Amino acid sequence: MRLIALSLMLVPSLGLGQQSAPAVTDQQPTIKVDVNLVNVLCTVRTKGGGLVGNLGKDDFILREDGKRQQLKYFTRETNLPLTIGLLIDVSVSQMNLIEIERRAAGAFFPAVVQKQDQAFVISFGKDAELLQDLTNSVTLLQRSLNGLQVNSDVGGLNPGPVPTIYKPKGTVLYDAVYLASNEVLKNEVGRKALILITDGEDQGSTYKLQQAVEAAQRSDAIIYSIYYVDQGFYRSHGAFFGTSDSALKRISEETGGRVFRVDRKYSLEQVFAEIQQEMRSQYSLTYSPSNPARDGSYRRLEVSTTNKDLRVQARKGYFAPDGS
């Protein structure tokens, strides 16, 4: 019921989030929904991992299903509106990390949310809960973090975190991604991103991993996953090998994001700082597909640069419009 409730709660937010595009310069196209245009956000790094922010239109090569496309618009993304969702795992396996997440996220919002941006917060455990709808109020976003609390069907003094043994409905990760993408972000314009903080386990979601990935792709959202595991918790419950980040890698890489791993040498605060820098160092490549068919098919994308020593991070594909 809570999952259904979230869907109903999120629907009104679509009206709040649909705003007119701001005035822009000649070098920057108006942000609008145009079914004949495809927009691809990307970041470029050196072999050493440093961000590259001084490339031009002619430095990029973009192919759709193997065919090179002619870029219609090109911009360096620094000021275009950003809609960002923070999805935080509050299942029992994360109970010792919630306060750390609350503090780090509270510092992240004022650093990344600017006047033209919007953000929302969802927590997920045995169900997904919208803690804060779309807003550009840092105060409201920070206040919503006070609602983070353990939420899981797994109970007792010694709950078992291993889903293959108990199969409880304890971490609806895929449902949270699907609903955030389909109910909040799908009808937004501009740049869109989801940040997941989780140990990567899914227990009891209604939607499957592929459905979550597809929903994110259809909403044009980039997903940054923060793999944050309380190893002590898992060891205390007999799961000495912890969890896997394989699902997070798929979700992130398919949408043009990546996975960050929090450990003793790389804090959550440092991860947030790197995500902030990356989101403000993006390129926007816009083109009119050489294949005009409106058949709803999935189109594979490849983005590279003329400098083979540089690495491009971008989504792997998109779904063409369906219908006339």
Protein backbone atom coordinates (compact mmCIF):
# COMPACT_ATOMS: atom_id res chain seq x y z
CA MET A 1 0.00 0.00 0.00
CA ARG A 2 2.86 2.37 0.75
CA LEU A 3 4.24 1.76 -2.74
CA ILE A 4 0.88 2.63 -4.28
CA ALA A 5 0.64 5.63 -2.01
CA LEU A 6 3.98 6.91 -3.22
CA SER A 7 2.82 6.74 -6.83
CA LEU A 8 -0.28 8.73 -5.95
CA MET A 9 1.75 11.22 -3.97
CA LEU A 10 4.19 11.75 -6.81
CA VAL A 11 1.68 12.39 -9.57
CA PRO A 12 0.73 15.92 -8.41
CA SER A 13 4.39 16.86 -8.46
CA LEU A 14 4.42 16.71 -12.26
CA GLY A 15 2.36 19.85 -12.51
CA LEU A 16 4.61 21.65 -10.08
CA GLY A 17 7.72 20.68 -11.98
CA GLN A 18 6.68 21.72 -15.50
CA GLN A 19 8.04 25.21 -15.87
CA SER A 20 8.74 27.39 -18.87
CA ALA A 21 12.30 27.33 -20.10
CA PRO A 22 14.44 30.31 -19.09
CA ALA A 23 15.87 32.74 -21.62
CA VAL A 24 19.19 31.59 -22.99
CA THR A 25 21.98 32.87 -25.22
CA ASP A 26 22.37 32.10 -28.94
CA GLN A 27 24.92 29.43 -28.11
CA GLN A 28 22.53 27.57 -25.87
CA PRO A 29 19.28 26.07 -27.27
CA THR A 30 16.01 26.62 -25.44
CA ILE A 31 15.19 23.68 -23.22
CA LYS A 32 12.03 22.08 -24.52
CA VAL A 33 10.54 18.73 -25.28
CA ASP A 34 11.14 18.10 -28.99
CA VAL A 35 10.41 14.59 -30.22
CA ASN A 36 12.65 15.19 -33.25
CA LEU A 37 15.72 15.95 -31.15
CA VAL A 38 17.80 13.72 -28.91
CA ASN A 39 19.91 15.21 -26.15
CA VAL A 40 22.89 13.37 -24.71
CA LEU A 41 24.71 14.62 -21.61
CA CYS A 42 28.27 13.46 -21.11
CA THR A 43 31.44 14.08 -19.17
CA VAL A 44 34.96 13.62 -20.46
CA ARG A 45 37.97 12.47 -18.49
CA THR A 46 41.64 11.94 -19.06
CA LYS A 47 43.21 8.53 -18.58
CA GLY A 48 44.12 9.67 -15.08
CA GLY A 49 40.50 10.47 -14.27
CA GLY A 50 40.66 14.27 -14.45
CA LEU A 51 37.64 16.11 -15.84
CA VAL A 52 38.11 17.81 -19.23
CA GLY A 53 36.05 20.95 -19.66
CA ASN A 54 37.48 22.78 -22.66
CA LEU A 55 36.28 20.72 -25.62
CA GLY A 56 34.31 22.06 -28.56
CA LYS A 57 31.58 20.72 -30.84
CA ASP A 58 34.03 19.37 -33.42
CA ASP A 59 35.84 17.33 -30.78
CA PHE A 60 32.90 14.93 -30.39
CA ILE A 61 31.79 11.96 -32.46
CA LEU A 62 28.29 10.61 -31.81
CA ARG A 63 26.86 7.48 -33.41
CA GLU A 64 23.33 6.05 -33.22
CA ASP A 65 23.15 2.34 -34.04
CA GLY A 66 26.59 2.67 -35.62
CA LYS A 67 25.73 5.63 -37.87
CA ARG A 68 27.43 8.96 -37.22
CA GLN A 69 25.03 11.80 -36.40
CA GLN A 70 25.33 15.50 -37.15
CA LEU A 71 25.25 17.58 -33.97
CA LYS A 72 22.66 20.37 -34.12
CA TYR A 73 23.37 21.99 -30.77
CA PHE A 74 26.36 21.86 -28.47
CA THR A 75 26.75 23.43 -25.04
CA ARG A 76 28.92 23.12 -21.97
CA GLU A 77 26.52 22.44 -19.11
CA THR A 78 27.15 24.75 -16.19
CA ASN A 79 23.95 26.74 -15.70
CA LEU A 80 21.13 24.79 -17.31
CA PRO A 81 18.40 23.82 -14.81
CA LEU A 82 18.97 20.60 -12.92
CA THR A 83 16.34 18.33 -11.40
CA ILE A 84 17.90 15.95 -8.92
CA GLY A 85 16.47 13.17 -6.80
CA LEU A 86 18.20 11.77 -3.73
CA LEU A 87 17.16 8.17 -2.99
CA ILE A 88 18.36 6.82 0.35
CA ASP A 89 18.30 3.20 1.52
CA VAL A 90 16.80 2.96 5.03
CA SER A 91 16.59 -0.82 5.27
CA VAL A 92 17.82 -2.49 8.45
CA SER A 93 21.29 -3.15 6.99
CA GLN A 94 21.83 0.62 6.72
CA MET A 95 20.67 1.57 10.19
CA ASN A 96 24.18 2.47 11.42
CA LEU A 97 24.81 4.72 8.41
CA ILE A 98 21.66 6.83 8.37
CA GLU A 99 23.00 9.62 10.56
CA ILE A 100 26.14 9.92 8.43
CA GLU A 101 23.98 10.07 5.30
CA ARG A 102 21.75 12.70 6.86
CA ARG A 103 24.69 15.01 7.63
CA ALA A 104 26.40 14.54 4.26
CA ALA A 105 23.21 15.07 2.26
CA GLY A 106 22.36 18.11 4.35
CA ALA A 107 25.66 19.70 3.30
CA PHE A 108 25.27 18.59 -0.32
CA PHE A 109 21.98 20.34 -1.06
CA PRO A 110 23.12 23.95 -0.46
CA ALA A 111 26.22 23.27 -2.56
CA VAL A 112 24.41 21.86 -5.59
CA VAL A 113 20.85 23.25 -5.66
CA GLN A 114 20.79 26.67 -7.27
CA LYS A 115 17.88 29.04 -7.78
CA GLN A 116 16.78 27.50 -11.10
CA ASP A 117 17.18 23.90 -9.88
CA GLN A 118 14.78 21.51 -8.15
CA ALA A 119 15.31 18.47 -5.95
CA PHE A 120 13.32 15.82 -4.13
CA VAL A 121 14.04 13.14 -1.52
CA ILE A 122 12.83 9.53 -1.36
CA SER A 123 13.69 6.94 1.27
CA PHE A 124 13.24 3.25 0.58
CA GLY A 125 13.16 0.18 2.78
CA LYS A 126 10.21 -2.21 2.75
CA ASP A 127 8.45 0.50 0.74
CA ALA A 128 9.35 3.80 -0.88
CA GLU A 129 8.37 7.08 0.74
CA LEU A 130 8.48 10.58 -0.69
CA LEU A 131 10.01 12.71 2.08
CA GLN A 132 10.13 15.91 0.03
CA ASP A 133 8.48 16.73 -3.27
CA LEU A 134 10.16 18.86 -5.96
CA THR A 135 11.41 22.13 -4.51
CA ASN A 136 14.31 24.55 -4.79
CA SER A 137 14.17 25.25 -1.05
CA VAL A 138 17.34 23.98 0.58
CA THR A 139 15.68 24.42 3.97
CA LEU A 140 12.83 22.06 3.06
CA LEU A 141 15.22 19.53 1.57
CA GLN A 142 17.40 19.53 4.66
CA ARG A 143 14.36 19.31 6.92
CA SER A 144 13.07 16.29 5.02
CA LEU A 145 16.21 14.36 5.97
CA ASN A 146 14.92 14.27 9.54
CA GLY A 147 12.39 11.74 8.25
CA LEU A 148 15.09 9.17 7.54
CA GLN A 149 14.51 6.15 9.76
CA VAL A 150 14.84 2.39 9.52
CA ASN A 151 12.01 0.92 7.46
CA SER A 152 12.03 -2.84 6.92
CA ASP A 153 9.91 -5.97 7.21
CA VAL A 154 12.94 -7.68 8.69
CA GLY A 155 12.52 -7.58 12.45
CA GLY A 156 13.76 -8.96 15.72
CA LEU A 157 17.03 -8.57 17.59
CA ASN A 158 18.99 -10.48 14.95
CA PRO A 159 17.39 -9.82 11.57
CA GLY A 160 18.81 -11.68 8.59
CA PRO A 161 19.97 -9.39 5.78
CA VAL A 162 20.55 -12.10 3.17
CA PRO A 163 17.59 -12.03 0.70
CA THR A 164 18.27 -15.48 -0.74
CA ILE A 165 17.56 -17.02 2.66
CA TYR A 166 14.66 -15.05 4.07
CA LYS A 167 13.21 -13.20 1.03
CA PRO A 168 11.68 -10.41 3.13
CA LYS A 169 10.36 -7.22 1.56
CA GLY A 170 13.12 -5.13 3.03
CA THR A 171 14.75 -2.99 0.30
CA VAL A 172 12.66 -1.95 -2.70
CA LEU A 173 15.57 -0.39 -4.58
CA TYR A 174 14.22 -1.06 -8.08
CA ASP A 175 10.77 0.26 -7.17
CA ALA A 176 12.31 3.49 -5.88
CA VAL A 177 14.28 4.03 -9.09
CA TYR A 178 11.26 3.20 -11.26
CA LEU A 179 8.89 5.53 -9.42
CA ALA A 180 11.36 8.41 -9.19
CA SER A 181 12.03 8.13 -12.92
CA ASN A 182 8.50 7.48 -14.15
CA GLU A 183 6.47 9.62 -11.75
CA VAL A 184 8.74 12.57 -11.00
CA LEU A 185 11.39 12.99 -13.70
CA LYS A 186 9.69 11.76 -16.87
CA ASN A 187 7.88 15.02 -17.64
CA GLU A 188 10.60 17.36 -16.39
CA VAL A 189 12.83 19.25 -18.82
CA GLY A 190 16.51 20.09 -18.63
CA ARG A 191 19.15 17.99 -16.94
CA LYS A 192 17.96 15.21 -14.65
CA ALA A 193 19.85 13.02 -12.21
CA LEU A 194 19.22 10.49 -9.47
CA ILE A 195 21.65 9.82 -6.65
CA LEU A 196 21.26 6.46 -4.92
CA ILE A 197 22.81 5.73 -1.52
CA THR A 198 22.53 1.99 -0.88
CA ASP A 199 24.39 -1.26 -0.34
CA GLY A 200 22.97 -2.51 -3.63
CA GLU A 201 20.59 -5.18 -2.33
CA ASP A 202 17.01 -5.37 -3.57
CA GLN A 203 14.47 -7.31 -1.54
CA GLY A 204 10.83 -7.46 -2.60
CA SER A 205 10.52 -4.88 -5.38
CA THR A 206 7.48 -5.09 -7.63
CA TYR A 207 9.56 -3.94 -10.61
CA LYS A 208 12.58 -5.78 -11.98
CA LEU A 209 16.07 -4.40 -12.56
CA GLN A 210 15.50 -4.07 -16.32
CA GLN A 211 12.28 -2.14 -15.73
CA ALA A 212 14.07 0.26 -13.41
CA VAL A 213 16.85 0.79 -15.97
CA GLU A 214 14.33 1.35 -18.77
CA ALA A 215 12.31 3.85 -16.70
CA ALA A 216 15.46 5.85 -16.02
CA GLN A 217 16.40 5.76 -19.72
CA ARG A 218 12.95 6.90 -20.80
CA SER A 219 13.10 9.82 -18.35
CA ASP A 220 16.60 10.80 -19.61
CA ALA A 221 17.95 10.59 -16.07
CA ILE A 222 21.60 10.03 -15.21
CA ILE A 223 22.03 7.80 -12.17
CA TYR A 224 24.94 8.15 -9.78
CA SER A 225 25.10 5.22 -7.36
CA ILE A 226 26.87 5.47 -4.03
CA TYR A 227 27.75 1.98 -2.85
CA TYR A 228 27.78 2.31 0.94
CA VAL A 229 28.00 -0.91 2.94
CA ASP A 230 28.08 -1.46 6.69
CA GLN A 231 30.44 -4.43 6.61
CA GLY A 232 30.21 -4.82 10.38
CA PHE A 233 26.47 -5.35 10.15
CA TYR A 234 26.79 -8.06 7.53
CA ARG A 235 29.60 -9.84 9.39
CA SER A 236 27.55 -9.83 12.57
CA HIS A 237 24.79 -11.66 10.70
CA GLY A 238 27.02 -14.25 9.07
CA ALA A 239 27.31 -12.61 5.63
CA PHE A 240 31.08 -12.25 5.54
CA PHE A 241 31.23 -11.44 1.83
CA GLY A 242 28.92 -8.44 2.12
CA THR A 243 26.91 -7.39 -0.93
CA SER A 244 27.46 -6.79 -4.63
CA ASP A 245 27.38 -3.56 -6.60
CA SER A 246 26.65 -5.32 -9.91
CA ALA A 247 23.06 -4.02 -10.16
CA LEU A 248 24.21 -0.49 -9.37
CA LYS A 249 26.86 -0.68 -12.09
CA ARG A 250 24.25 -1.64 -14.64
CA ILE A 251 21.80 1.07 -13.59
CA SER A 252 24.49 3.74 -13.60
CA GLU A 253 26.46 2.79 -16.70
CA GLU A 254 23.37 2.36 -18.87
CA THR A 255 22.22 5.89 -17.98
CA GLY A 256 25.56 7.67 -18.26
CA GLY A 257 26.44 7.74 -14.57
CA ARG A 258 28.83 5.68 -12.50
CA VAL A 259 29.27 3.95 -9.14
CA PHE A 260 31.13 5.49 -6.20
CA ARG A 261 32.32 3.31 -3.35
CA VAL A 262 32.51 4.72 0.17
CA ASP A 263 35.32 3.28 2.28
CA ARG A 264 37.83 4.35 4.92
CA LYS A 265 39.82 6.38 2.40
CA TYR A 266 36.89 7.84 0.47
CA SER A 267 34.18 9.43 2.59
CA LEU A 268 30.56 10.10 1.68
CA GLU A 269 31.31 13.83 1.82
CA GLN A 270 34.06 13.38 -0.78
CA VAL A 271 31.72 11.40 -3.02
CA PHE A 272 29.11 14.16 -2.90
CA ALA A 273 31.77 16.76 -3.75
CA GLU A 274 32.86 14.74 -6.79
CA ILE A 275 29.29 14.25 -8.00
CA GLN A 276 28.69 17.98 -7.67
CA GLN A 277 31.79 18.76 -9.73
CA GLU A 278 30.82 16.24 -12.38
CA MET A 279 27.27 17.52 -12.78
CA ARG A 280 28.63 21.03 -13.31
CA SER A 281 31.20 19.83 -15.89
CA GLN A 282 28.93 18.21 -18.46
CA TYR A 283 28.60 18.65 -22.20
CA SER A 284 25.23 18.60 -23.96
CA LEU A 285 25.11 17.07 -27.43
CA THR A 286 21.84 17.47 -29.34
CA TYR A 287 21.02 16.00 -32.74
CA SER A 288 18.15 15.08 -35.04
CA PRO A 289 18.34 11.30 -35.62
CA SER A 290 19.05 10.15 -39.17
CA ASN A 291 16.50 7.39 -38.48
CA PRO A 292 13.18 9.27 -38.22
CA ALA A 293 11.05 6.19 -37.44
CA ARG A 294 8.75 6.68 -34.45
CA ASP A 295 8.66 2.99 -33.60
CA GLY A 296 9.50 2.99 -29.89
CA SER A 297 12.66 1.00 -30.56
CA TYR A 298 15.79 1.15 -28.46
CA ARG A 299 18.65 2.99 -30.19
CA ARG A 300 22.25 2.35 -29.18
CA LEU A 301 24.47 5.39 -28.64
CA GLU A 302 28.24 5.68 -28.83
CA VAL A 303 29.97 8.92 -27.89
CA SER A 304 33.68 9.46 -28.32
CA THR A 305 36.14 12.26 -29.00
CA THR A 306 38.69 12.82 -31.73
CA ASN A 307 41.33 12.43 -29.02
CA LYS A 308 41.52 8.70 -28.36
CA ASP A 309 43.25 9.28 -25.03
CA LEU A 310 40.08 10.78 -23.56
CA ARG A 311 37.24 8.73 -22.04
CA VAL A 312 33.60 9.77 -22.50
CA GLN A 313 30.92 8.91 -19.96
CA ALA A 314 27.42 8.99 -21.50
CA ARG A 315 24.22 6.97 -21.61
CA LYS A 316 24.27 3.83 -23.72
CA GLY A 317 21.05 4.49 -25.61
CA TYR A 318 17.50 5.82 -25.68
CA PHE A 319 13.99 4.80 -26.70
CA ALA A 320 12.59 6.41 -29.85
CA PRO A 321 9.13 8.01 -29.64
CA ASP A 322 6.26 5.61 -30.20
CA GLY A 323 3.48 6.58 -32.60
CA SER A 324 2.91 9.37 -35.10
